[in-house]
N, C-alpha and C. Protein backbone atom coordinates (compact mmCIF):
# COMPACT_ATOMS: atom_id res chain seq x y z
N MET A 1 129.94 -42.80 44.50
CA MET A 1 130.73 -42.15 43.49
C MET A 1 130.68 -40.65 43.73
N ARG A 2 131.84 -40.01 43.69
CA ARG A 2 131.94 -38.59 44.01
C ARG A 2 132.90 -37.87 43.06
N ILE A 3 132.81 -36.54 43.05
CA ILE A 3 133.81 -35.72 42.37
C ILE A 3 135.11 -35.89 43.16
N THR A 4 136.21 -36.19 42.46
CA THR A 4 137.45 -36.55 43.16
C THR A 4 138.42 -35.40 43.36
N GLY A 5 138.22 -34.27 42.68
CA GLY A 5 139.16 -33.17 42.85
C GLY A 5 138.56 -31.84 42.45
N GLY A 6 139.28 -30.78 42.71
CA GLY A 6 138.81 -29.45 42.35
C GLY A 6 137.91 -28.85 43.41
N LYS A 7 137.24 -27.77 43.05
CA LYS A 7 136.44 -27.01 44.00
C LYS A 7 135.16 -27.73 44.44
N ALA A 8 134.67 -28.69 43.64
CA ALA A 8 133.45 -29.42 44.01
C ALA A 8 133.78 -30.82 44.55
N ARG A 9 135.04 -31.00 44.95
CA ARG A 9 135.47 -32.30 45.45
C ARG A 9 134.55 -32.80 46.56
N GLY A 10 134.17 -34.08 46.45
CA GLY A 10 133.32 -34.70 47.46
C GLY A 10 131.84 -34.68 47.13
N ILE A 11 131.42 -33.89 46.15
CA ILE A 11 130.01 -33.84 45.78
C ILE A 11 129.62 -35.22 45.23
N PRO A 12 128.57 -35.85 45.80
CA PRO A 12 128.17 -37.17 45.29
C PRO A 12 127.50 -37.06 43.92
N LEU A 13 127.74 -38.07 43.09
CA LEU A 13 127.11 -38.15 41.78
C LEU A 13 126.09 -39.28 41.80
N HIS A 14 124.90 -38.98 41.31
CA HIS A 14 123.83 -39.97 41.30
C HIS A 14 123.69 -40.56 39.91
N LEU A 15 123.29 -41.82 39.85
CA LEU A 15 123.07 -42.48 38.57
C LEU A 15 121.95 -43.49 38.71
N PRO A 16 121.36 -43.90 37.58
CA PRO A 16 120.25 -44.84 37.66
C PRO A 16 120.68 -46.17 38.25
N LYS A 17 119.76 -46.80 38.97
CA LYS A 17 120.03 -48.13 39.52
C LYS A 17 120.05 -49.15 38.38
N GLY A 18 120.77 -50.25 38.59
CA GLY A 18 120.86 -51.28 37.58
C GLY A 18 122.17 -51.19 36.83
N ASP A 19 122.25 -51.90 35.72
CA ASP A 19 123.51 -51.96 34.99
C ASP A 19 123.47 -51.17 33.68
N ALA A 20 122.55 -50.22 33.58
CA ALA A 20 122.45 -49.42 32.36
C ALA A 20 123.66 -48.50 32.20
N VAL A 21 124.30 -48.14 33.30
CA VAL A 21 125.44 -47.22 33.26
C VAL A 21 126.62 -47.87 33.97
N ARG A 22 127.80 -47.81 33.35
CA ARG A 22 129.05 -48.28 33.97
C ARG A 22 129.92 -47.05 34.16
N PRO A 23 129.80 -46.40 35.32
CA PRO A 23 130.51 -45.14 35.48
C PRO A 23 132.02 -45.32 35.59
N ALA A 24 132.75 -44.30 35.15
CA ALA A 24 134.20 -44.29 35.32
C ALA A 24 134.49 -44.29 36.82
N THR A 25 135.39 -45.14 37.25
CA THR A 25 135.69 -45.22 38.67
C THR A 25 136.38 -43.94 39.16
N ASP A 26 136.26 -43.69 40.45
CA ASP A 26 136.92 -42.53 41.03
C ASP A 26 138.42 -42.58 40.76
N ALA A 27 139.03 -43.77 40.93
CA ALA A 27 140.48 -43.91 40.72
C ALA A 27 140.86 -43.61 39.27
N MET A 28 140.05 -44.08 38.32
CA MET A 28 140.35 -43.83 36.91
C MET A 28 140.26 -42.34 36.62
N ARG A 29 139.21 -41.68 37.11
CA ARG A 29 139.08 -40.24 36.87
C ARG A 29 140.22 -39.45 37.50
N GLN A 30 140.64 -39.85 38.71
CA GLN A 30 141.78 -39.17 39.34
C GLN A 30 143.03 -39.30 38.48
N ALA A 31 143.27 -40.50 37.96
CA ALA A 31 144.45 -40.73 37.12
C ALA A 31 144.37 -39.92 35.82
N VAL A 32 143.19 -39.90 35.21
CA VAL A 32 143.00 -39.15 33.96
C VAL A 32 143.27 -37.66 34.20
N PHE A 33 142.69 -37.11 35.24
CA PHE A 33 142.84 -35.67 35.46
C PHE A 33 144.22 -35.29 35.98
N SER A 34 144.90 -36.21 36.65
CA SER A 34 146.30 -35.96 37.01
C SER A 34 147.14 -35.87 35.74
N SER A 35 146.82 -36.71 34.76
CA SER A 35 147.56 -36.69 33.49
C SER A 35 147.24 -35.43 32.67
N LEU A 36 145.98 -34.99 32.71
CA LEU A 36 145.60 -33.79 31.95
C LEU A 36 146.12 -32.51 32.60
N ALA A 37 146.18 -32.50 33.90
CA ALA A 37 146.72 -31.39 34.71
C ALA A 37 146.28 -30.02 34.20
N ALA A 38 147.21 -29.19 33.75
CA ALA A 38 146.94 -27.80 33.40
C ALA A 38 146.06 -27.64 32.16
N ARG A 39 145.86 -28.71 31.39
CA ARG A 39 145.03 -28.60 30.18
C ARG A 39 143.55 -28.37 30.51
N VAL A 40 143.14 -28.65 31.75
CA VAL A 40 141.73 -28.57 32.11
C VAL A 40 141.28 -27.13 32.37
N GLU A 41 142.10 -26.35 33.04
CA GLU A 41 141.74 -24.98 33.41
C GLU A 41 141.36 -24.17 32.18
N GLY A 42 140.12 -23.67 32.17
CA GLY A 42 139.63 -22.84 31.07
C GLY A 42 139.23 -23.59 29.82
N ALA A 43 139.34 -24.91 29.83
CA ALA A 43 139.04 -25.72 28.64
C ALA A 43 137.54 -25.89 28.43
N ARG A 44 137.19 -26.17 27.18
CA ARG A 44 135.83 -26.59 26.84
C ARG A 44 135.90 -28.10 26.62
N PHE A 45 134.86 -28.82 27.07
CA PHE A 45 134.87 -30.27 26.94
C PHE A 45 133.63 -30.77 26.22
N LEU A 46 133.75 -31.99 25.70
CA LEU A 46 132.64 -32.73 25.12
C LEU A 46 132.68 -34.09 25.78
N ASP A 47 131.61 -34.45 26.50
CA ASP A 47 131.53 -35.73 27.23
C ASP A 47 130.53 -36.61 26.48
N LEU A 48 131.05 -37.58 25.70
CA LEU A 48 130.20 -38.47 24.91
C LEU A 48 129.93 -39.76 25.68
N PHE A 49 128.71 -40.30 25.51
CA PHE A 49 128.27 -41.46 26.31
C PHE A 49 128.42 -41.08 27.77
N ALA A 50 127.88 -39.93 28.13
CA ALA A 50 128.19 -39.28 29.40
C ALA A 50 127.76 -40.07 30.64
N GLY A 51 126.72 -40.89 30.57
CA GLY A 51 126.30 -41.67 31.74
C GLY A 51 125.93 -40.75 32.89
N SER A 52 126.69 -40.79 33.98
CA SER A 52 126.44 -39.92 35.13
C SER A 52 126.96 -38.51 34.90
N GLY A 53 127.75 -38.34 33.85
CA GLY A 53 128.39 -37.04 33.58
C GLY A 53 129.70 -36.87 34.32
N ALA A 54 130.22 -37.98 34.88
CA ALA A 54 131.38 -37.90 35.78
C ALA A 54 132.60 -37.21 35.15
N TYR A 55 132.94 -37.56 33.90
CA TYR A 55 134.14 -36.94 33.30
C TYR A 55 133.96 -35.43 33.12
N GLY A 56 132.86 -35.02 32.54
CA GLY A 56 132.63 -33.60 32.32
C GLY A 56 132.49 -32.82 33.62
N LEU A 57 131.81 -33.41 34.60
CA LEU A 57 131.64 -32.74 35.90
C LEU A 57 132.97 -32.62 36.64
N GLU A 58 133.80 -33.65 36.50
CA GLU A 58 135.13 -33.59 37.10
C GLU A 58 135.94 -32.46 36.46
N ALA A 59 135.84 -32.34 35.13
CA ALA A 59 136.54 -31.25 34.43
C ALA A 59 136.04 -29.90 34.92
N LEU A 60 134.73 -29.78 35.07
CA LEU A 60 134.13 -28.53 35.55
C LEU A 60 134.65 -28.18 36.94
N SER A 61 134.68 -29.17 37.84
CA SER A 61 135.17 -28.95 39.20
C SER A 61 136.62 -28.49 39.21
N ARG A 62 137.38 -28.93 38.19
CA ARG A 62 138.82 -28.62 38.13
C ARG A 62 139.12 -27.41 37.25
N GLY A 63 138.09 -26.63 36.91
CA GLY A 63 138.33 -25.35 36.26
C GLY A 63 137.96 -25.25 34.79
N ALA A 64 137.33 -26.26 34.20
CA ALA A 64 136.91 -26.15 32.80
C ALA A 64 135.90 -25.02 32.67
N ALA A 65 135.91 -24.35 31.53
CA ALA A 65 135.04 -23.19 31.31
C ALA A 65 133.60 -23.59 30.99
N GLY A 66 133.41 -24.74 30.35
CA GLY A 66 132.08 -25.17 29.97
C GLY A 66 132.16 -26.37 29.05
N GLY A 67 130.99 -26.86 28.65
CA GLY A 67 131.01 -28.01 27.76
C GLY A 67 129.65 -28.60 27.52
N VAL A 68 129.69 -29.76 26.87
CA VAL A 68 128.48 -30.44 26.43
C VAL A 68 128.55 -31.90 26.88
N PHE A 69 127.43 -32.38 27.44
CA PHE A 69 127.26 -33.78 27.81
C PHE A 69 126.31 -34.40 26.80
N VAL A 70 126.65 -35.56 26.24
CA VAL A 70 125.77 -36.24 25.30
C VAL A 70 125.45 -37.62 25.86
N GLU A 71 124.17 -37.89 26.06
CA GLU A 71 123.71 -39.17 26.60
C GLU A 71 122.43 -39.58 25.87
N LYS A 72 122.42 -40.79 25.34
CA LYS A 72 121.29 -41.27 24.54
C LYS A 72 120.05 -41.58 25.39
N ASP A 73 120.25 -42.16 26.57
CA ASP A 73 119.13 -42.57 27.42
C ASP A 73 118.54 -41.36 28.15
N GLY A 74 117.28 -41.10 27.93
CA GLY A 74 116.62 -39.93 28.51
C GLY A 74 116.63 -39.92 30.03
N ARG A 75 116.39 -41.08 30.64
CA ARG A 75 116.37 -41.16 32.10
C ARG A 75 117.76 -40.85 32.66
N THR A 76 118.79 -41.41 32.03
CA THR A 76 120.16 -41.17 32.48
C THR A 76 120.54 -39.70 32.28
N ALA A 77 120.10 -39.09 31.18
CA ALA A 77 120.35 -37.66 30.95
C ALA A 77 119.76 -36.82 32.08
N GLY A 78 118.63 -37.27 32.62
CA GLY A 78 118.03 -36.57 33.77
C GLY A 78 118.94 -36.59 34.98
N PHE A 79 119.65 -37.71 35.19
CA PHE A 79 120.61 -37.78 36.29
C PHE A 79 121.79 -36.85 36.06
N ILE A 80 122.22 -36.70 34.81
CA ILE A 80 123.31 -35.75 34.51
C ILE A 80 122.86 -34.35 34.91
N ARG A 81 121.64 -33.97 34.54
CA ARG A 81 121.14 -32.63 34.89
C ARG A 81 121.12 -32.44 36.40
N GLN A 82 120.70 -33.46 37.13
CA GLN A 82 120.68 -33.39 38.60
C GLN A 82 122.10 -33.23 39.15
N ASN A 83 123.03 -34.03 38.64
CA ASN A 83 124.43 -33.93 39.07
C ASN A 83 125.04 -32.58 38.70
N LEU A 84 124.72 -32.09 37.51
CA LEU A 84 125.22 -30.80 37.05
C LEU A 84 124.74 -29.68 37.97
N ALA A 85 123.48 -29.72 38.36
CA ALA A 85 122.93 -28.71 39.26
C ALA A 85 123.67 -28.72 40.60
N ALA A 86 123.96 -29.91 41.13
CA ALA A 86 124.65 -30.02 42.42
C ALA A 86 126.08 -29.48 42.32
N VAL A 87 126.78 -29.81 41.24
CA VAL A 87 128.17 -29.35 41.08
C VAL A 87 128.19 -27.84 40.87
N CYS A 88 127.29 -27.32 40.04
CA CYS A 88 127.24 -25.86 39.82
C CYS A 88 126.93 -25.12 41.11
N LYS A 89 126.03 -25.66 41.92
CA LYS A 89 125.70 -25.04 43.20
C LYS A 89 126.94 -25.00 44.10
N SER A 90 127.68 -26.12 44.14
CA SER A 90 128.89 -26.18 44.95
C SER A 90 129.94 -25.18 44.46
N LEU A 91 130.01 -25.00 43.14
CA LEU A 91 130.99 -24.08 42.55
C LEU A 91 130.53 -22.62 42.61
N GLY A 92 129.23 -22.41 42.91
CA GLY A 92 128.70 -21.06 42.93
C GLY A 92 128.67 -20.43 41.56
N ARG A 93 128.37 -21.24 40.54
CA ARG A 93 128.35 -20.74 39.16
C ARG A 93 127.06 -21.17 38.49
N PRO A 94 126.61 -20.39 37.52
CA PRO A 94 125.40 -20.78 36.78
C PRO A 94 125.73 -21.93 35.82
N ALA A 95 124.69 -22.62 35.39
CA ALA A 95 124.87 -23.74 34.45
C ALA A 95 124.88 -23.27 33.00
N SER A 96 124.87 -21.94 32.81
CA SER A 96 124.97 -21.45 31.43
C SER A 96 126.33 -21.89 30.89
N ASP A 97 126.43 -22.09 29.61
CA ASP A 97 127.63 -22.59 28.95
C ASP A 97 127.86 -24.08 29.22
N LEU A 98 126.82 -24.74 29.74
CA LEU A 98 126.84 -26.19 29.95
C LEU A 98 125.55 -26.75 29.37
N THR A 99 125.66 -27.77 28.55
CA THR A 99 124.48 -28.31 27.87
C THR A 99 124.44 -29.82 28.03
N VAL A 100 123.24 -30.34 28.28
CA VAL A 100 123.02 -31.78 28.29
C VAL A 100 122.15 -32.09 27.07
N ILE A 101 122.68 -32.92 26.17
CA ILE A 101 121.95 -33.29 24.96
C ILE A 101 121.56 -34.76 25.05
N ASN A 102 120.27 -35.01 24.88
CA ASN A 102 119.74 -36.37 24.88
C ASN A 102 119.74 -36.85 23.43
N ALA A 103 120.84 -37.52 23.02
CA ALA A 103 121.01 -37.93 21.62
C ALA A 103 122.04 -39.04 21.52
N ASP A 104 122.16 -39.60 20.33
CA ASP A 104 123.14 -40.64 20.03
C ASP A 104 124.51 -39.97 19.81
N ALA A 105 125.49 -40.37 20.60
CA ALA A 105 126.82 -39.76 20.53
C ALA A 105 127.52 -39.97 19.20
N THR A 106 127.09 -40.97 18.43
CA THR A 106 127.76 -41.24 17.15
C THR A 106 127.23 -40.37 16.02
N THR A 107 126.10 -39.69 16.25
CA THR A 107 125.51 -38.89 15.18
C THR A 107 125.31 -37.43 15.53
N VAL A 108 125.36 -37.08 16.81
CA VAL A 108 125.09 -35.71 17.24
C VAL A 108 126.19 -34.76 16.77
N THR A 109 125.78 -33.54 16.43
CA THR A 109 126.74 -32.47 16.14
C THR A 109 126.51 -31.39 17.19
N PRO A 110 127.32 -31.42 18.27
CA PRO A 110 127.08 -30.46 19.34
C PRO A 110 127.47 -29.05 18.95
N SER A 111 126.74 -28.10 19.50
CA SER A 111 127.07 -26.69 19.28
C SER A 111 127.87 -26.20 20.49
N GLY A 112 128.26 -24.96 20.46
CA GLY A 112 128.93 -24.39 21.63
C GLY A 112 130.44 -24.29 21.48
N GLY A 113 130.93 -24.33 20.28
CA GLY A 113 132.36 -24.15 20.08
C GLY A 113 133.12 -25.47 20.01
N VAL A 114 134.36 -25.39 19.56
CA VAL A 114 135.21 -26.56 19.40
C VAL A 114 135.77 -26.95 20.77
N PRO A 115 135.59 -28.20 21.18
CA PRO A 115 136.10 -28.60 22.50
C PRO A 115 137.62 -28.78 22.48
N ASP A 116 138.21 -28.55 23.65
CA ASP A 116 139.64 -28.80 23.84
C ASP A 116 139.87 -30.25 24.28
N LEU A 117 138.90 -30.76 25.05
CA LEU A 117 138.97 -32.11 25.60
C LEU A 117 137.72 -32.87 25.22
N VAL A 118 137.89 -34.11 24.78
CA VAL A 118 136.75 -34.98 24.47
C VAL A 118 136.89 -36.23 25.33
N PHE A 119 135.84 -36.53 26.09
CA PHE A 119 135.81 -37.73 26.90
C PHE A 119 134.83 -38.71 26.25
N ILE A 120 135.28 -39.95 26.04
CA ILE A 120 134.44 -40.97 25.42
C ILE A 120 134.46 -42.20 26.32
N ASP A 121 133.30 -42.58 26.84
CA ASP A 121 133.21 -43.73 27.74
C ASP A 121 131.99 -44.57 27.35
N PRO A 122 132.07 -45.26 26.20
CA PRO A 122 130.91 -46.01 25.70
C PRO A 122 130.79 -47.37 26.36
N PRO A 123 129.63 -48.03 26.18
CA PRO A 123 129.55 -49.43 26.59
C PRO A 123 130.65 -50.21 25.86
N TYR A 124 131.39 -51.01 26.58
CA TYR A 124 132.54 -51.70 26.00
C TYR A 124 132.17 -52.57 24.80
N GLU A 125 131.00 -53.19 24.85
CA GLU A 125 130.63 -54.13 23.78
C GLU A 125 130.40 -53.46 22.42
N ILE A 126 130.26 -52.14 22.37
CA ILE A 126 130.03 -51.48 21.07
C ILE A 126 131.25 -50.71 20.56
N ILE A 127 132.36 -50.76 21.30
CA ILE A 127 133.54 -49.97 20.91
C ILE A 127 134.01 -50.28 19.50
N ALA A 128 134.16 -51.55 19.16
CA ALA A 128 134.67 -51.92 17.83
C ALA A 128 133.79 -51.34 16.73
N GLU A 129 132.49 -51.31 16.96
CA GLU A 129 131.54 -50.82 15.96
C GLU A 129 131.56 -49.30 15.85
N ILE A 130 131.62 -48.61 16.99
CA ILE A 130 131.43 -47.15 16.96
C ILE A 130 132.71 -46.33 16.89
N ALA A 131 133.84 -46.90 17.30
CA ALA A 131 135.08 -46.11 17.35
C ALA A 131 135.44 -45.49 15.99
N PRO A 132 135.41 -46.25 14.87
CA PRO A 132 135.76 -45.61 13.59
C PRO A 132 134.83 -44.44 13.24
N LYS A 133 133.52 -44.60 13.50
CA LYS A 133 132.56 -43.52 13.22
C LYS A 133 132.84 -42.30 14.09
N LEU A 134 133.11 -42.55 15.37
CA LEU A 134 133.37 -41.44 16.29
C LEU A 134 134.61 -40.65 15.88
N PHE A 135 135.69 -41.35 15.61
CA PHE A 135 136.92 -40.64 15.23
C PHE A 135 136.75 -39.89 13.91
N ALA A 136 135.98 -40.47 12.99
CA ALA A 136 135.73 -39.77 11.71
C ALA A 136 134.95 -38.48 11.96
N ARG A 137 133.95 -38.53 12.84
CA ARG A 137 133.17 -37.33 13.16
C ARG A 137 134.04 -36.31 13.91
N LEU A 138 134.89 -36.81 14.82
CA LEU A 138 135.75 -35.91 15.58
C LEU A 138 136.80 -35.25 14.70
N ASP A 139 137.24 -35.94 13.64
CA ASP A 139 138.16 -35.32 12.68
C ASP A 139 137.58 -34.00 12.17
N GLY A 140 136.31 -34.03 11.80
CA GLY A 140 135.65 -32.82 11.30
C GLY A 140 135.43 -31.80 12.39
N LEU A 141 134.94 -32.24 13.53
CA LEU A 141 134.63 -31.33 14.64
C LEU A 141 135.88 -30.63 15.16
N LEU A 142 137.01 -31.34 15.20
CA LEU A 142 138.23 -30.82 15.81
C LEU A 142 139.26 -30.31 14.80
N LYS A 143 138.88 -30.25 13.52
CA LYS A 143 139.86 -29.91 12.47
C LYS A 143 140.52 -28.55 12.68
N ASP A 144 139.81 -27.59 13.28
CA ASP A 144 140.37 -26.26 13.47
C ASP A 144 141.08 -26.08 14.81
N HIS A 145 141.10 -27.14 15.63
CA HIS A 145 141.77 -27.04 16.94
C HIS A 145 143.22 -27.49 16.76
N PRO A 146 144.18 -26.70 17.23
CA PRO A 146 145.57 -27.06 17.02
C PRO A 146 146.04 -28.29 17.80
N ASP A 147 145.46 -28.55 18.98
CA ASP A 147 145.97 -29.66 19.80
C ASP A 147 144.91 -30.20 20.77
N PRO A 148 143.84 -30.78 20.24
CA PRO A 148 142.82 -31.34 21.13
C PRO A 148 143.30 -32.66 21.74
N VAL A 149 142.69 -33.05 22.84
CA VAL A 149 142.97 -34.35 23.46
C VAL A 149 141.67 -35.13 23.56
N ILE A 150 141.71 -36.38 23.12
CA ILE A 150 140.58 -37.29 23.26
C ILE A 150 140.98 -38.33 24.30
N VAL A 151 140.14 -38.47 25.33
CA VAL A 151 140.34 -39.49 26.35
C VAL A 151 139.27 -40.55 26.14
N PHE A 152 139.68 -41.76 25.79
CA PHE A 152 138.76 -42.84 25.43
C PHE A 152 138.92 -43.95 26.46
N GLU A 153 137.85 -44.21 27.23
CA GLU A 153 137.91 -45.31 28.19
C GLU A 153 137.51 -46.60 27.48
N LEU A 154 138.33 -47.65 27.67
CA LEU A 154 138.12 -48.93 27.01
C LEU A 154 138.75 -50.04 27.83
N PRO A 155 138.33 -51.29 27.60
CA PRO A 155 138.93 -52.38 28.37
C PRO A 155 140.38 -52.61 27.94
N GLY A 156 141.19 -53.15 28.85
CA GLY A 156 142.61 -53.30 28.62
C GLY A 156 143.00 -54.11 27.40
N GLU A 157 142.16 -55.07 27.02
CA GLU A 157 142.51 -55.91 25.86
C GLU A 157 142.19 -55.24 24.53
N CYS A 158 141.50 -54.12 24.55
CA CYS A 158 141.08 -53.44 23.33
C CYS A 158 142.16 -52.46 22.87
N GLU A 159 142.47 -52.48 21.58
CA GLU A 159 143.43 -51.55 21.01
C GLU A 159 142.74 -50.74 19.92
N LEU A 160 142.98 -49.45 19.90
CA LEU A 160 142.45 -48.58 18.86
C LEU A 160 143.61 -47.89 18.15
N SER A 161 143.53 -47.85 16.83
CA SER A 161 144.53 -47.15 16.02
C SER A 161 143.83 -46.29 14.96
N PRO A 162 143.10 -45.26 15.41
CA PRO A 162 142.36 -44.44 14.45
C PRO A 162 143.28 -43.64 13.53
N ALA A 163 142.92 -43.60 12.27
CA ALA A 163 143.70 -42.84 11.28
C ALA A 163 143.74 -41.37 11.69
N GLY A 164 144.93 -40.78 11.63
CA GLY A 164 145.09 -39.36 11.94
C GLY A 164 145.29 -39.06 13.41
N TRP A 165 145.28 -40.09 14.26
CA TRP A 165 145.40 -39.89 15.71
C TRP A 165 146.48 -40.81 16.25
N THR A 166 147.15 -40.38 17.31
CA THR A 166 148.18 -41.17 17.96
C THR A 166 147.82 -41.33 19.43
N CYS A 167 147.91 -42.57 19.91
CA CYS A 167 147.72 -42.81 21.34
C CYS A 167 149.03 -42.44 22.03
N VAL A 168 148.99 -41.37 22.84
CA VAL A 168 150.20 -40.86 23.47
C VAL A 168 150.38 -41.37 24.89
N LYS A 169 149.33 -41.94 25.47
CA LYS A 169 149.41 -42.43 26.84
C LYS A 169 148.27 -43.41 27.07
N ARG A 170 148.51 -44.39 27.91
CA ARG A 170 147.46 -45.35 28.29
C ARG A 170 147.56 -45.59 29.79
N LEU A 171 146.48 -45.36 30.50
CA LEU A 171 146.42 -45.58 31.94
C LEU A 171 145.64 -46.85 32.23
N GLY A 172 146.09 -47.62 33.19
CA GLY A 172 145.42 -48.86 33.55
C GLY A 172 145.99 -50.02 32.77
N LYS A 173 145.68 -51.22 33.23
CA LYS A 173 146.17 -52.41 32.53
C LYS A 173 145.32 -53.61 32.91
N GLY A 174 145.48 -54.66 32.14
CA GLY A 174 144.78 -55.90 32.43
C GLY A 174 143.57 -56.09 31.56
N ALA A 175 143.40 -57.32 31.07
CA ALA A 175 142.24 -57.65 30.24
C ALA A 175 140.97 -57.45 31.06
N ARG A 176 139.97 -56.93 30.40
CA ARG A 176 138.64 -56.68 30.98
C ARG A 176 138.68 -55.67 32.13
N GLN A 177 139.78 -54.94 32.27
CA GLN A 177 139.87 -53.88 33.27
C GLN A 177 139.80 -52.53 32.55
N PRO A 178 139.19 -51.53 33.18
CA PRO A 178 139.11 -50.22 32.52
C PRO A 178 140.49 -49.60 32.32
N THR A 179 140.70 -49.03 31.15
CA THR A 179 141.90 -48.25 30.86
C THR A 179 141.45 -46.96 30.19
N ALA A 180 142.33 -45.98 30.17
CA ALA A 180 142.03 -44.73 29.48
C ALA A 180 143.16 -44.46 28.49
N ALA A 181 142.79 -44.31 27.22
CA ALA A 181 143.76 -44.01 26.17
C ALA A 181 143.64 -42.53 25.80
N PHE A 182 144.78 -41.84 25.73
CA PHE A 182 144.84 -40.42 25.39
C PHE A 182 145.30 -40.31 23.94
N PHE A 183 144.46 -39.69 23.11
CA PHE A 183 144.78 -39.53 21.69
C PHE A 183 145.00 -38.06 21.38
N ARG A 184 146.03 -37.81 20.55
CA ARG A 184 146.28 -36.48 20.01
C ARG A 184 146.44 -36.62 18.51
N LYS A 185 146.27 -35.50 17.81
CA LYS A 185 146.41 -35.54 16.35
C LYS A 185 147.80 -36.06 15.98
N ALA A 186 147.83 -36.95 15.00
CA ALA A 186 149.11 -37.47 14.51
C ALA A 186 149.85 -36.36 13.79
N PRO A 187 151.17 -36.31 13.97
CA PRO A 187 151.93 -35.29 13.24
C PRO A 187 151.82 -35.50 11.73
N VAL A 188 151.72 -34.41 11.02
CA VAL A 188 151.62 -34.49 9.56
C VAL A 188 153.03 -34.52 8.98
N SER A 189 153.28 -35.53 8.16
CA SER A 189 154.61 -35.64 7.54
C SER A 189 154.76 -34.58 6.45
N PRO A 190 155.92 -33.95 6.39
CA PRO A 190 156.12 -32.96 5.32
C PRO A 190 156.12 -33.67 3.95
N ALA A 191 155.58 -33.01 2.99
CA ALA A 191 155.52 -33.59 1.64
C ALA A 191 156.94 -33.76 1.10
N ALA A 192 157.14 -34.90 0.45
CA ALA A 192 158.46 -35.15 -0.14
C ALA A 192 158.64 -34.21 -1.33
N GLY A 193 159.82 -33.69 -1.49
CA GLY A 193 160.02 -32.71 -2.54
C GLY A 193 161.05 -33.05 -3.53
């Protein structure tokens, strides 16, 4: 598994052995970042259920200004730090303005400003349970941002319809296959007068 684009393209990403982490595939990340295009340059990101840190590190390689990685498993968070160091070295930039938080993504309140991009790649089996909580928390976190984008990786058979958000794009297809859903704030209807 490697960074697929940007200035750190080709840098290998390390992750724990075993099935504790299901990293976003290189092809999925390429498709996601092709869709995000110009939104990445200078953006701040929040990478929830970060695993190897692939989504946030890919954003960094493609010009993101900084961000926060949240990973509950301490050992896996150590791999994010290792990957972050390698990507920052390749980019010739310090790791300041980048934070790895070892915490539960459903309860953490990250500091460091309001993110422009939120990447969510949880274990598939907990999506139904955690998605409503996550979107409710993100409502508060992103309330002052005019146009944030949430990229939620989920299996093809799973549908999410969070209140206040609209799925504007879906990449990938097929049951039990990874897909990425792009959510933006739902337009507010003008009050009837």
